[in-house]
Protein backbone atom coordinates (compact mmCIF):
# COMPACT_ATOMS: atom_id res chain seq x y z
CA MET A 1 -2.57 -47.56 6.05
CA ARG A 2 -3.21 -45.41 9.10
CA ARG A 3 0.34 -44.03 8.93
CA SER A 4 -0.01 -43.00 5.26
CA LEU A 5 -3.34 -41.29 5.99
CA LEU A 6 -1.88 -39.43 8.94
CA THR A 7 1.18 -38.47 6.90
CA SER A 8 -1.02 -37.04 4.15
CA VAL A 9 -2.96 -34.89 6.64
CA ILE A 10 0.19 -33.65 8.38
CA VAL A 11 2.13 -32.91 5.18
CA SER A 12 -0.77 -31.07 3.53
CA THR A 13 -1.31 -29.05 6.71
CA LEU A 14 2.39 -28.19 6.94
CA VAL A 15 2.43 -27.08 3.29
CA CYS A 16 -0.53 -24.75 3.82
CA VAL A 17 0.74 -23.38 7.14
CA GLY A 18 4.25 -23.13 5.68
CA MET A 19 2.96 -21.06 2.76
CA LEU A 20 1.28 -18.72 5.24
CA GLY A 21 4.41 -18.58 7.40
CA LEU A 22 6.57 -17.82 4.37
CA ALA A 23 4.40 -14.83 3.49
CA LEU A 24 4.36 -13.55 7.07
CA GLY A 25 8.08 -14.16 7.51
CA PHE A 26 9.02 -12.09 4.46
CA GLY A 27 6.42 -9.44 5.25
CA TRP A 28 4.39 -10.23 2.15
CA SER A 29 0.72 -9.42 1.93
CA PRO A 30 -1.77 -9.43 -0.95
CA ARG A 31 -1.00 -6.63 -3.39
CA LEU A 32 -4.22 -4.64 -3.36
CA GLY A 33 -5.61 -3.23 -6.59
CA LEU A 34 -6.60 0.38 -6.97
CA ASP A 35 -10.30 -0.30 -6.32
CA LEU A 36 -9.32 -1.49 -2.82
CA ARG A 37 -6.47 0.92 -2.20
CA GLY A 38 -7.38 3.92 -4.34
CA GLY A 39 -5.34 5.25 -7.24
CA LEU A 40 -5.30 5.65 -11.01
CA SER A 41 -6.10 3.21 -13.82
CA VAL A 42 -5.55 4.05 -17.50
CA THR A 43 -5.78 1.89 -20.61
CA TYR A 44 -3.60 2.96 -23.56
CA LYS A 45 -3.71 1.85 -27.17
CA PRO A 46 -0.96 2.45 -29.76
CA ALA A 47 -1.89 4.92 -32.49
CA ARG A 48 -0.81 2.42 -35.13
CA LYS A 49 -0.25 -1.31 -35.44
CA VAL A 50 2.92 -2.40 -33.61
CA THR A 51 4.76 -5.59 -32.73
CA ASN A 52 4.75 -7.20 -29.29
CA ALA A 53 8.38 -6.14 -28.86
CA THR A 54 7.46 -2.49 -29.44
CA LEU A 55 4.60 -2.75 -26.96
CA GLN A 56 6.93 -4.28 -24.38
CA THR A 57 9.35 -1.37 -24.88
CA VAL A 58 6.51 1.02 -24.03
CA VAL A 59 5.75 -1.01 -20.89
CA ASN A 60 9.41 -0.90 -19.82
CA ILE A 61 9.63 2.88 -20.31
CA MET A 62 6.36 3.46 -18.45
CA SER A 63 7.56 1.24 -15.59
CA ALA A 64 10.87 3.12 -15.36
CA ARG A 65 9.05 6.46 -15.26
CA ALA A 66 6.63 5.22 -12.58
CA ASN A 67 9.47 3.91 -10.42
CA ALA A 68 11.38 7.17 -10.83
CA LEU A 69 8.30 9.06 -9.61
CA GLY A 70 8.27 6.91 -6.49
CA VAL A 71 4.93 5.25 -7.25
CA ALA A 72 4.57 2.25 -4.92
CA GLN A 73 3.89 -1.09 -6.62
CA PRO A 74 2.84 0.12 -10.09
CA SER A 75 1.20 -2.48 -12.31
CA ILE A 76 1.86 -1.89 -16.02
CA THR A 77 0.97 -4.81 -18.26
CA THR A 78 -0.14 -5.60 -21.79
CA GLN A 79 -3.60 -6.95 -22.57
CA GLY A 80 -3.69 -7.87 -26.22
CA THR A 81 -2.68 -4.71 -28.07
CA ASP A 82 -3.47 -2.46 -25.09
CA VAL A 83 -1.30 -1.33 -22.20
CA VAL A 84 -3.06 -1.22 -18.83
CA VAL A 85 -1.52 1.07 -16.21
CA GLN A 86 -2.65 0.70 -12.59
CA LEU A 87 -1.07 2.97 -10.02
CA PRO A 88 -2.42 2.31 -6.50
CA GLY A 89 -2.12 5.04 -3.89
CA VAL A 90 -1.50 7.86 -6.38
CA LYS A 91 -2.78 11.25 -5.20
CA ASN A 92 -1.59 13.71 -7.88
CA ALA A 93 -3.18 11.69 -10.69
CA ASN A 94 -2.94 14.30 -13.47
CA GLN A 95 0.76 14.96 -12.92
CA VAL A 96 1.60 11.26 -12.82
CA LEU A 97 -0.52 10.55 -15.89
CA ASN A 98 1.12 13.33 -17.90
CA THR A 99 4.58 12.09 -16.94
CA ILE A 100 4.04 8.38 -17.51
CA GLY A 101 1.74 8.46 -20.54
CA THR A 102 3.37 11.22 -22.59
CA THR A 103 5.30 10.08 -25.66
CA ALA A 104 8.15 12.54 -24.89
CA GLN A 105 9.45 12.59 -28.47
CA LEU A 106 11.88 15.50 -28.64
CA TYR A 107 13.06 16.91 -31.97
CA PHE A 108 15.36 19.83 -32.62
CA ARG A 109 14.02 21.59 -35.73
CA PRO A 110 15.28 24.76 -37.47
CA VAL A 111 12.81 27.65 -37.52
CA LEU A 112 12.19 28.63 -41.15
CA CYS A 113 9.89 31.51 -40.34
CA GLY A 114 7.23 32.63 -37.90
CA ALA A 115 3.72 33.98 -37.81
CA PRO A 116 2.94 37.54 -38.90
CA ALA A 117 2.61 40.18 -36.22
CA PHE A 118 0.07 39.05 -33.66
CA VAL A 119 -2.86 41.35 -32.92
CA ALA A 120 -3.71 40.84 -29.28
CA PRO A 121 -7.41 40.38 -28.50
CA LYS A 122 -9.07 43.05 -26.42
CA THR A 123 -11.00 42.75 -23.21
CA LYS A 124 -14.55 44.03 -22.81
CA SER A 125 -13.16 47.33 -21.57
CA GLY A 126 -11.21 47.74 -24.80
CA THR A 127 -7.79 47.26 -23.21
CA ALA A 128 -5.40 45.13 -25.24
CA VAL A 129 -4.28 41.91 -23.58
CA PRO A 130 -0.45 41.88 -23.48
CA VAL A 131 1.08 38.84 -25.17
CA HIS A 132 4.80 38.02 -25.19
CA TYR A 133 6.36 35.82 -27.83
CA THR A 134 9.54 35.34 -29.82
CA THR A 135 9.40 36.84 -33.31
CA PRO A 136 11.39 34.82 -35.86
CA PRO A 137 11.89 36.05 -39.45
CA THR A 138 8.61 36.82 -41.16
CA CYS A 139 7.55 34.14 -43.60
CA PRO A 140 8.10 35.13 -47.24
CA ALA A 141 5.36 34.70 -49.80
CA SER A 142 6.66 31.23 -50.69
CA TYR A 143 5.81 30.03 -47.18
CA GLN A 144 2.06 29.94 -47.04
CA TYR A 145 0.15 28.62 -44.05
CA THR A 146 -1.73 26.04 -46.08
CA SER A 147 -1.57 22.28 -46.32
CA ALA A 148 -0.69 22.63 -50.02
CA TYR A 149 2.82 23.77 -49.03
CA PHE A 150 3.46 20.53 -47.16
CA SER A 151 3.65 16.96 -48.34
CA ALA A 152 1.27 15.93 -45.55
CA ALA A 153 -2.33 15.09 -46.30
CA SER A 154 -4.95 17.51 -45.05
CA SER A 155 -5.92 14.96 -42.37
CA GLY A 156 -2.54 15.57 -40.81
CA TYR A 157 -3.56 19.02 -39.67
CA SER A 158 -5.83 20.36 -37.00
CA VAL A 159 -6.60 23.66 -35.30
CA PRO A 160 -6.10 23.32 -31.53
CA PRO A 161 -8.74 25.11 -29.44
CA SER A 162 -6.02 27.08 -27.67
CA ILE A 163 -5.04 28.57 -31.05
CA ALA A 164 -8.46 28.86 -32.61
CA GLU A 165 -9.58 31.30 -29.94
CA TYR A 166 -7.19 33.90 -31.37
CA PRO A 167 -8.69 35.47 -34.55
CA ALA A 168 -5.29 36.15 -36.09
CA TYR A 169 -4.46 32.44 -35.97
CA ALA A 170 -7.81 30.76 -36.54
CA SER A 171 -7.40 30.59 -40.32
CA TYR A 172 -3.98 28.94 -40.15
CA GLU A 173 -3.68 25.18 -39.89
CA THR A 174 -1.33 23.46 -37.44
CA THR A 175 0.34 20.11 -37.97
CA SER A 176 -1.15 17.51 -35.63
CA SER A 177 1.02 16.00 -32.92
CA SER A 178 0.68 12.49 -34.35
CA TYR A 179 1.77 13.60 -37.84
CA ASP A 180 4.68 15.60 -36.45
CA GLN A 181 6.01 12.58 -34.53
CA ALA A 182 5.52 10.18 -37.43
CA HIS A 183 7.16 12.43 -40.06
CA PRO A 184 10.27 14.02 -38.52
CA HIS A 185 11.86 14.62 -41.94
CA GLU A 186 9.13 16.94 -43.24
CA ASN A 187 8.33 20.60 -42.66
CA VAL A 188 5.63 21.26 -40.08
CA ILE A 189 3.66 24.17 -38.61
CA LEU A 190 3.70 24.07 -34.81
CA SER A 191 2.55 26.42 -32.09
CA THR A 192 3.85 27.38 -28.70
CA ASN A 193 1.52 28.19 -25.86
CA GLY A 194 2.48 28.95 -22.34
CA GLN A 195 2.20 31.57 -19.68
CA GLY A 196 1.15 34.56 -21.74
CA GLN A 197 2.84 33.24 -24.89
CA ALA A 198 1.31 32.63 -28.29
CA ALA A 199 3.43 32.02 -31.38
CA ARG A 200 3.41 29.83 -34.45
CA TYR A 201 6.38 28.56 -36.44
CA VAL A 202 7.15 26.92 -39.75
CA LEU A 203 9.82 24.36 -38.89
CA GLY A 204 12.16 22.40 -41.10
CA PRO A 205 13.03 18.68 -40.83
CA GLU A 206 14.54 17.50 -37.55
CA ILE A 207 18.29 17.95 -37.23
CA ALA A 208 18.60 15.99 -33.96
CA SER A 209 16.37 14.08 -31.55
CA GLY A 210 16.18 13.36 -27.84
CA LYS A 211 18.27 10.22 -28.38
CA ILE A 212 21.43 12.35 -28.24
CA ILE A 213 20.68 13.18 -24.59
CA LYS A 214 22.43 11.02 -21.98
CA SER A 215 20.89 12.51 -18.83
CA ALA A 216 18.75 15.47 -17.85
CA THR A 217 17.95 17.39 -14.67
CA ALA A 218 15.52 20.17 -13.83
CA GLN A 219 17.26 23.32 -12.60
CA LEU A 220 16.47 26.92 -11.76
CA SER A 221 18.18 29.15 -14.31
CA THR A 222 20.06 32.32 -13.46
CA SER A 223 16.93 34.30 -14.34
CA GLY A 224 14.92 32.40 -11.73
CA THR A 225 12.89 30.36 -14.20
CA TRP A 226 12.85 26.60 -14.50
CA ALA A 227 14.81 24.89 -17.27
CA VAL A 228 16.07 21.41 -18.11
CA ASP A 229 19.84 20.96 -18.31
CA PHE A 230 21.05 17.94 -20.23
CA ASN A 231 24.28 16.06 -20.84
CA LEU A 232 24.97 14.61 -24.27
CA THR A 233 26.20 11.20 -25.31
CA GLY A 234 29.54 10.95 -27.11
CA PRO A 235 27.99 10.76 -30.60
CA GLY A 236 25.29 13.17 -29.47
CA SER A 237 27.86 15.82 -28.58
CA THR A 238 29.25 15.67 -32.13
CA ILE A 239 25.77 15.93 -33.63
CA PHE A 240 24.86 18.87 -31.40
CA ASN A 241 28.07 20.75 -32.18
CA ASN A 242 27.49 20.26 -35.91
CA LEU A 243 23.98 21.60 -35.38
CA ALA A 244 25.31 24.63 -33.50
CA SER A 245 27.93 25.37 -36.14
CA LYS A 246 25.43 25.16 -39.01
CA TYR A 247 22.64 27.14 -37.35
CA TYR A 248 24.73 29.66 -35.40
CA GLY A 249 22.76 32.87 -34.91
CA ARG A 250 19.49 31.24 -36.01
CA LEU A 251 16.46 29.95 -34.15
CA VAL A 252 16.24 26.22 -33.45
CA ALA A 253 12.98 25.00 -31.93
CA ASP A 254 12.62 22.32 -29.26
CA ASP A 255 9.69 20.30 -30.57
CA LEU A 256 8.23 18.09 -27.82
CA ASP A 257 5.31 15.91 -28.89
CA GLY A 258 4.19 18.35 -31.55
CA GLN A 259 4.49 21.54 -29.53
CA VAL A 260 7.29 24.10 -29.50
CA ILE A 261 8.39 24.47 -25.90
CA SER A 262 11.12 26.96 -26.80
CA ALA A 263 12.88 28.38 -29.86
CA PRO A 264 16.17 29.88 -28.69
CA VAL A 265 18.87 31.51 -30.78
CA ILE A 266 21.98 29.33 -31.14
CA ALA A 267 24.54 31.61 -29.48
CA SER A 268 27.62 29.38 -29.77
CA THR A 269 29.21 27.18 -32.41
CA SER A 270 30.10 24.43 -29.92
CA PHE A 271 28.89 23.09 -26.61
CA PRO A 272 30.99 21.17 -24.02
CA GLY A 273 28.84 18.05 -23.99
CA SER A 274 25.81 19.71 -22.48
CA GLY A 275 22.93 22.04 -23.23
CA GLN A 276 19.68 23.42 -21.90
CA VAL A 277 16.01 23.38 -22.81
CA SER A 278 14.23 26.48 -21.58
CA GLY A 279 10.61 27.52 -21.84
CA SER A 280 7.53 28.28 -19.77
CA PHE A 281 8.30 25.54 -17.26
CA THR A 282 7.00 25.08 -13.76
CA SER A 283 8.87 22.96 -11.25
CA GLN A 284 6.59 20.00 -11.99
CA SER A 285 6.74 20.26 -15.78
CA ALA A 286 10.53 20.70 -15.78
CA ASN A 287 11.04 17.65 -13.57
CA ALA A 288 8.58 15.65 -15.69
CA LEU A 289 10.47 16.50 -18.90
CA ALA A 290 13.82 15.66 -17.29
CA LEU A 291 12.47 12.28 -16.20
CA GLN A 292 11.07 11.57 -19.66
CA LEU A 293 14.35 12.47 -21.36
CA ASN A 294 16.27 10.24 -18.94
CA TYR A 295 14.20 7.16 -19.72
CA GLY A 296 13.58 7.78 -23.42
CA SER A 297 10.54 8.32 -25.59
CA PHE A 298 7.94 5.80 -26.67
CA PRO A 299 8.58 4.18 -30.05
CA VAL A 300 4.91 4.79 -30.86
CA ARG A 301 2.35 7.34 -29.75
CA MET A 302 -0.02 5.95 -27.12
CA VAL A 303 -3.65 7.04 -26.95
CA ALA A 304 -5.54 6.90 -23.64
CA LEU A 305 -8.76 4.91 -24.12
CA THR A 306 -10.11 4.92 -20.57
CA SER A 307 -9.09 6.62 -17.35
CA GLN A 308 -10.40 5.97 -13.85
CA THR A 309 -9.46 7.56 -10.54
CA VAL A 310 -10.51 5.93 -7.26
CA SER A 311 -10.12 7.79 -3.97
CA ALA A 312 -8.26 6.10 -1.13
CA SER A 313 -11.28 6.38 1.19
CA LEU A 314 -13.53 4.67 -1.36
CA GLY A 315 -10.96 1.92 -1.83
CA SER A 316 -10.72 1.33 1.94
CA ALA A 317 -14.51 1.22 2.20
CA SER A 318 -14.67 -1.36 -0.60
CA LEU A 319 -12.02 -3.48 1.13
CA ARG A 320 -13.84 -3.39 4.47
CA ALA A 321 -17.15 -4.27 2.80
CA GLY A 322 -15.58 -7.18 0.91
CA LEU A 323 -13.84 -8.56 4.01
CA LEU A 324 -16.99 -8.19 6.10
CA ALA A 325 -19.12 -9.99 3.51
CA GLY A 326 -16.57 -12.79 3.23
CA ALA A 327 -16.18 -13.18 7.00
CA LEU A 328 -19.94 -13.27 7.66
CA GLY A 329 -20.50 -15.76 4.86
CA LEU A 330 -17.68 -17.96 6.12
CA LEU A 331 -18.96 -17.94 9.71
CA LEU A 332 -22.49 -18.84 8.60
CA VAL A 333 -21.20 -21.71 6.46
CA MET A 334 -19.07 -23.05 9.30
CA ALA A 335 -21.92 -22.81 11.80
CA TYR A 336 -24.32 -24.57 9.45
CA THR A 337 -21.97 -27.45 8.65
CA ILE A 338 -21.15 -28.06 12.32
CA VAL A 339 -24.84 -28.06 13.29
CA TYR A 340 -25.86 -30.31 10.41
CA TYR A 341 -22.86 -32.62 10.02
CA ARG A 342 -21.53 -32.64 13.61
CA ALA A 343 -18.00 -34.12 13.55
CA LEU A 344 -17.79 -33.77 9.79
CA GLY A 345 -18.49 -30.06 10.22
CA ILE A 346 -15.19 -29.79 12.06
CA VAL A 347 -13.51 -31.23 8.96
CA VAL A 348 -15.09 -28.43 6.91
CA VAL A 349 -13.75 -25.80 9.32
CA LEU A 350 -10.25 -27.31 9.28
CA GLY A 351 -10.33 -27.68 5.50
CA LEU A 352 -11.38 -24.07 4.93
CA ALA A 353 -8.69 -22.89 7.37
CA THR A 354 -5.88 -24.79 5.62
CA THR A 355 -7.13 -23.76 2.17
CA GLY A 356 -7.37 -20.12 3.29
CA ALA A 357 -3.82 -20.21 4.68
CA PHE A 358 -2.47 -21.66 1.44
CA LEU A 359 -4.31 -19.16 -0.78
CA TYR A 360 -3.24 -16.19 1.38
CA GLY A 361 0.40 -17.23 1.14
CA LEU A 362 0.17 -17.97 -2.59
CA ILE A 363 -1.55 -14.68 -3.48
CA SER A 364 0.93 -12.74 -1.33
CA ALA A 365 3.91 -14.51 -2.93
CA LEU A 366 2.62 -13.90 -6.47
CA GLY A 367 2.05 -10.24 -5.60
CA ALA A 368 5.62 -9.87 -4.34
CA SER A 369 7.09 -11.69 -7.35
CA SER A 370 7.85 -10.30 -10.80
CA LEU A 371 4.32 -11.31 -11.86
CA GLY A 372 2.96 -8.54 -9.65
CA LEU A 373 -0.44 -10.20 -9.06
CA THR A 374 -2.93 -7.67 -7.69
CA LEU A 375 -6.01 -8.50 -5.63
CA ASP A 376 -8.89 -6.25 -6.63
CA LEU A 377 -12.55 -6.20 -5.66
CA SER A 378 -13.48 -8.64 -8.41
CA GLY A 379 -10.76 -10.99 -7.15
CA VAL A 380 -12.21 -10.84 -3.64
CA THR A 381 -15.57 -11.73 -5.18
CA GLY A 382 -13.98 -14.72 -6.90
CA LEU A 383 -12.53 -15.92 -3.59
CA ILE A 384 -15.91 -15.57 -1.85
CA VAL A 385 -17.61 -17.54 -4.63
CA SER A 386 -14.92 -20.22 -4.35
CA VAL A 387 -15.88 -20.79 -0.69
CA GLY A 388 -19.26 -21.99 -1.91
CA ILE A 389 -17.62 -24.30 -4.45
CA THR A 390 -15.33 -25.74 -1.76
CA VAL A 391 -18.19 -26.33 0.68
CA ASP A 392 -20.17 -27.99 -2.12
CA SER A 393 -17.35 -30.53 -2.44
CA TYR A 394 -17.62 -31.38 1.25
CA ILE A 395 -21.40 -31.69 1.06
CA VAL A 396 -21.21 -34.02 -1.95
CA TYR A 397 -18.80 -36.28 -0.05
CA PHE A 398 -20.73 -36.21 3.22
CA GLU A 399 -24.08 -36.92 1.58
CA ARG A 400 -22.57 -39.81 -0.32
CA LEU A 401 -21.12 -41.12 2.95
CA LYS A 402 -24.56 -40.95 4.59
CA ASP A 403 -26.09 -42.82 1.65
CA GLU A 404 -23.58 -45.61 2.17
CA VAL A 405 -24.40 -45.79 5.90
CA ARG A 406 -28.14 -45.91 5.14
CA ALA A 407 -27.46 -48.77 2.73
CA GLY A 408 -26.25 -50.81 5.72
CA ARG A 409 -22.49 -50.45 5.42
CA SER A 410 -20.32 -49.60 8.39
CA ILE A 411 -18.93 -46.11 8.76
CA ARG A 412 -15.41 -47.51 8.36
CA ALA A 413 -16.30 -48.94 4.94
CA SER A 414 -18.52 -46.02 3.94
CA VAL A 415 -15.90 -43.26 4.31
CA ASP A 416 -13.60 -44.88 1.75
CA LYS A 417 -16.21 -46.11 -0.71
CA GLY A 418 -18.21 -42.89 -0.42
CA PHE A 419 -15.18 -40.78 -1.32
CA LYS A 420 -14.45 -42.78 -4.47
CA SER A 421 -17.96 -42.10 -5.74
CA ALA A 422 -18.05 -38.49 -4.55
CA TYR A 423 -14.61 -37.56 -5.92
CA ARG A 424 -15.73 -38.23 -9.49
CA THR A 425 -18.59 -35.77 -8.96
CA ILE A 426 -16.24 -33.27 -7.31
CA LEU A 427 -13.81 -33.51 -10.23
CA SER A 428 -16.61 -32.99 -12.76
CA ALA A 429 -18.02 -29.96 -10.92
CA ASP A 430 -14.59 -28.39 -10.36
CA ALA A 431 -13.62 -29.03 -13.99
CA VAL A 432 -16.66 -27.07 -15.15
CA SER A 433 -15.83 -24.22 -12.74
CA PHE A 434 -12.19 -24.16 -13.81
CA LEU A 435 -13.01 -24.21 -17.53
CA GLY A 436 -15.46 -21.36 -17.02
CA ALA A 437 -12.81 -19.38 -15.14
CA LEU A 438 -10.23 -20.14 -17.85
CA VAL A 439 -12.52 -18.97 -20.65
CA LEU A 440 -13.33 -15.79 -18.72
CA TRP A 441 -9.64 -15.12 -18.14
CA LEU A 442 -8.71 -15.65 -21.79
CA LEU A 443 -11.53 -13.63 -23.32
CA SER A 444 -12.12 -10.86 -20.80
CA VAL A 445 -10.21 -7.70 -19.88
CA GLY A 446 -9.85 -5.64 -16.75
CA ALA A 447 -11.68 -6.55 -13.56
CA VAL A 448 -13.23 -9.77 -14.91
CA LYS A 449 -9.73 -11.25 -15.28
CA GLY A 450 -9.18 -10.83 -11.54
CA PHE A 451 -12.40 -12.67 -10.76
CA ALA A 452 -11.56 -15.49 -13.17
CA PHE A 453 -7.99 -15.92 -11.89
CA MET A 454 -8.94 -16.11 -8.21
CA LEU A 455 -11.81 -18.49 -8.97
CA GLY A 456 -9.49 -20.67 -11.06
CA ILE A 457 -6.70 -21.08 -8.49
CA SER A 458 -9.27 -21.63 -5.71
CA THR A 459 -10.91 -24.40 -7.74
CA LEU A 460 -7.57 -26.15 -8.33
CA THR A 461 -6.79 -25.85 -4.62
CA ASP A 462 -10.16 -27.43 -3.81
CA VAL A 463 -9.40 -30.46 -6.01
CA ALA A 464 -6.06 -31.01 -4.26
CA THR A 465 -7.40 -30.39 -0.75
CA ALA A 466 -10.26 -32.84 -1.21
CA TYR A 467 -7.83 -35.67 -1.97
CA VAL A 468 -4.80 -35.01 0.25
CA PHE A 469 -6.55 -33.49 3.29
CA THR A 470 -10.30 -34.15 3.42
CA ARG A 471 -10.23 -37.81 2.35
CA PRO A 472 -7.55 -39.05 4.81
CA LEU A 473 -8.92 -36.94 7.68
CA VAL A 474 -12.48 -38.26 7.28
CA ILE A 475 -11.20 -41.84 6.97
CA LEU A 476 -9.23 -41.41 10.21
CA LEU A 477 -12.29 -39.99 11.97
CA GLY A 478 -14.41 -42.83 10.60
CA ARG A 479 -12.15 -45.29 12.40
CA ASN A 480 -12.39 -43.47 15.73
CA ARG A 481 -15.32 -44.41 17.97
CA MET A 482 -15.19 -41.13 19.83
CA PHE A 483 -16.37 -39.36 16.67
CA THR A 484 -18.63 -42.04 15.23
CA GLU A 485 -20.58 -42.87 18.38
CA ALA A 486 -20.42 -39.72 20.50
CA ARG A 487 -23.83 -38.31 21.44
CA TRP A 488 -23.28 -34.84 19.96
CA LEU A 489 -20.50 -35.48 17.45
CA GLY A 490 -21.44 -38.82 15.95
CA ILE A 491 -21.23 -39.25 12.21
CA ALA A 492 -24.02 -41.78 12.36
CA ARG A 493 -26.31 -39.22 14.03
CA GLY A 494 -25.43 -36.68 11.30
């Protein structure tokens, strides 16, 4: 009997210490969430109803883009029909967000005609503001800038603020980005806006898409401006050459997410498996487009529902505050149990130490695995709350043990009988805590999930620790006179 009890204590201790050693040996540590480390958090929702497979494709593309940007430990997961993107440690949030969250749907569309001559607005001094733009053929009378010309419903059009500020354009409607992406085989009215540019085009149905592109890189052109050079796939090269032959000498627009980024003249009837997208690019925007073309476009347009940026200093402050609160609470609990329960208080300290070692190793391992578990501030709160639940289990057992001693039984008999009665109470209490955590995890989103998960695994650990570590250790102590009869550490005195 004594050997089996000792074996249980040793094995459970080795498992907990081994889990900690495994994490330290591989250099694992808890994967901190953005509220502890700082960074960017965005929740996206698809613009239309999609399947789980489509949503997973979006997650894969976002993950590939984030990894290509060099973002450390990105967390991109689905929550119901939403996609939650958490990027700890990100500094240039806007650039990363534009690169990762943009649909990047590229269409090549023929330019049917362009806007009438643009009258540049004047400054207060009366001087005309110079505006540079490409002038395609003027639209004939049959091409009217009205929704009646198109098969799209009027809801498919909007007037962007950047266009509405120009009087010559304010009365003309522009096809919305969402309608443009959803209806590639219809005519659309799109605008181009850039550094000093303002133009508006009537475009025909798409004649090719970004799927024909095999790879893309951002390069400085011979004129000193940024452009995106691309290589074509085998079938894509055939499609592009057919396009060039058919539209030789005409304008073909590069339509990216409902905006014309350039509308060059096709100057050759064939291309040797490559091409170039030029426009008003900066180094950042050119590299972002190249990255997006390399990893493909989303199969559905994603709409940002919420966006949150946390500074690194605020995240560090939150982490320090959480650790300080947890450490102080733990020290107070340990001190109280030792003062009140004497030798049994040492069991509480040892139990919390082994449980803490196991949870640290487990959380670190899950963070380093493909699951990518992150520990955020709510998770830290869940762990702190679980300390109280664990200590409650010890108190239930110890008080039951004392009741048995007061009833006249020996300590040797009380430790075993007291545990049998107390363990039923411990199981009931932990079952309620676990069910509450499970319901929270299933029904909640965001930070509450972290709290529920940490509380849940801590509760399960408490159930196991109580049986394989606390029970045998207390029974062994109950059979040792040094602990049961010592003046300052006696169980009977406690």
